[in-house]
Amino acid sequence: MQSTWMLLENVKNVANRPVEWLRQYYSSVLERDINMRQTWSLIEVQAAFFAGIMPANYSLWLRAACCVWFLMALKRCRRLL
């Protein structure tokens, strides 16, 4: 049972490594230390933005939903930062 928990902990650490690199990058760009929650919020804003502007054959409703998602994520990110 202990080895299963250690394996899961290793997988979690490996999966979080790229996000930790982004956290350090964002901290250097913003010139202040940010935490992982703020990092995930910034990632969500970027994902919502790119989902809304992708040059795909999206319906107008889907583009509107992406725009609403972007605005909500931006508001949440602003509050966290």
Protein backbone atom coordinates (compact mmCIF):
# COMPACT_ATOMS: atom_id res chain seq x y z
CA MET A 1 0.00 0.00 0.00
CA GLN A 2 2.86 2.36 0.83
CA SER A 3 4.48 1.85 -2.58
CA THR A 4 1.21 2.79 -4.30
CA TRP A 5 1.13 6.11 -2.44
CA MET A 6 4.76 6.75 -3.29
CA LEU A 7 4.08 5.98 -6.96
CA LEU A 8 1.11 8.37 -6.99
CA GLU A 9 3.22 11.05 -5.32
CA ASN A 10 5.93 10.62 -7.97
CA VAL A 11 3.37 10.88 -10.77
CA LYS A 12 1.95 14.04 -9.20
CA ASN A 13 5.41 15.58 -8.90
CA VAL A 14 6.26 14.80 -12.52
CA ALA A 15 2.92 16.19 -13.73
CA ASN A 16 3.36 19.41 -11.73
CA ARG A 17 6.91 20.08 -12.92
CA PRO A 18 5.91 22.01 -16.11
CA VAL A 19 3.41 24.09 -14.10
CA GLU A 20 6.14 24.86 -11.57
CA TRP A 21 8.36 26.06 -14.43
CA LEU A 22 5.53 28.29 -15.63
CA ARG A 23 5.03 29.60 -12.08
CA GLN A 24 8.69 30.57 -11.92
CA TYR A 25 8.49 32.19 -15.37
CA TYR A 26 5.36 34.17 -14.50
CA SER A 27 6.98 35.24 -11.23
CA SER A 28 10.00 36.58 -13.07
CA VAL A 29 7.87 38.38 -15.66
CA LEU A 30 5.57 39.91 -13.03
CA GLU A 31 8.56 40.64 -10.78
CA ARG A 32 6.80 39.17 -7.76
CA ASP A 33 6.26 35.71 -6.37
CA ILE A 34 3.00 34.02 -7.34
CA ASN A 35 1.53 30.77 -6.06
CA MET A 36 0.24 27.74 -7.95
CA ARG A 37 -3.41 28.86 -7.75
CA GLN A 38 -2.51 32.14 -9.46
CA THR A 39 -0.50 30.22 -12.04
CA TRP A 40 -3.45 27.96 -12.86
CA SER A 41 -5.65 31.04 -13.14
CA LEU A 42 -3.27 32.59 -15.68
CA ILE A 43 -3.21 29.33 -17.63
CA GLU A 44 -7.02 29.24 -17.66
CA VAL A 45 -7.22 32.80 -19.00
CA GLN A 46 -4.81 31.94 -21.80
CA ALA A 47 -6.70 28.74 -22.68
CA ALA A 48 -10.04 30.60 -22.77
CA PHE A 49 -8.55 33.35 -24.93
CA PHE A 50 -7.09 30.93 -27.47
CA ALA A 51 -10.28 28.83 -27.54
CA GLY A 52 -12.21 31.95 -28.47
CA ILE A 53 -9.93 33.16 -31.25
CA MET A 54 -9.07 29.86 -32.92
CA PRO A 55 -9.81 30.09 -36.65
CA ALA A 56 -12.12 27.08 -36.66
CA ASN A 57 -15.63 26.68 -37.94
CA TYR A 58 -17.19 27.26 -34.52
CA SER A 59 -20.82 28.20 -34.23
CA LEU A 60 -21.64 31.66 -32.96
CA TRP A 61 -22.98 30.16 -29.73
CA LEU A 62 -19.75 28.33 -29.05
CA ARG A 63 -17.71 31.47 -29.69
CA ALA A 64 -20.02 33.40 -27.32
CA ALA A 65 -19.54 30.70 -24.67
CA CYS A 66 -15.75 30.96 -25.07
CA CYS A 67 -16.00 34.73 -24.74
CA VAL A 68 -18.01 34.40 -21.52
CA TRP A 69 -15.51 31.83 -20.22
CA PHE A 70 -12.65 34.22 -21.04
CA LEU A 71 -14.31 37.16 -19.28
CA MET A 72 -15.11 35.09 -16.18
CA ALA A 73 -11.57 33.66 -16.06
CA LEU A 74 -10.11 37.14 -16.50
CA LYS A 75 -12.22 38.51 -13.64
CA ARG A 76 -11.19 35.59 -11.39
CA CYS A 77 -7.52 36.04 -12.33
CA ARG A 78 -7.67 39.76 -11.61
CA ARG A 79 -9.13 39.05 -8.18
CA LEU A 80 -6.41 36.48 -7.41
CA LEU A 81 -3.54 38.65 -8.59
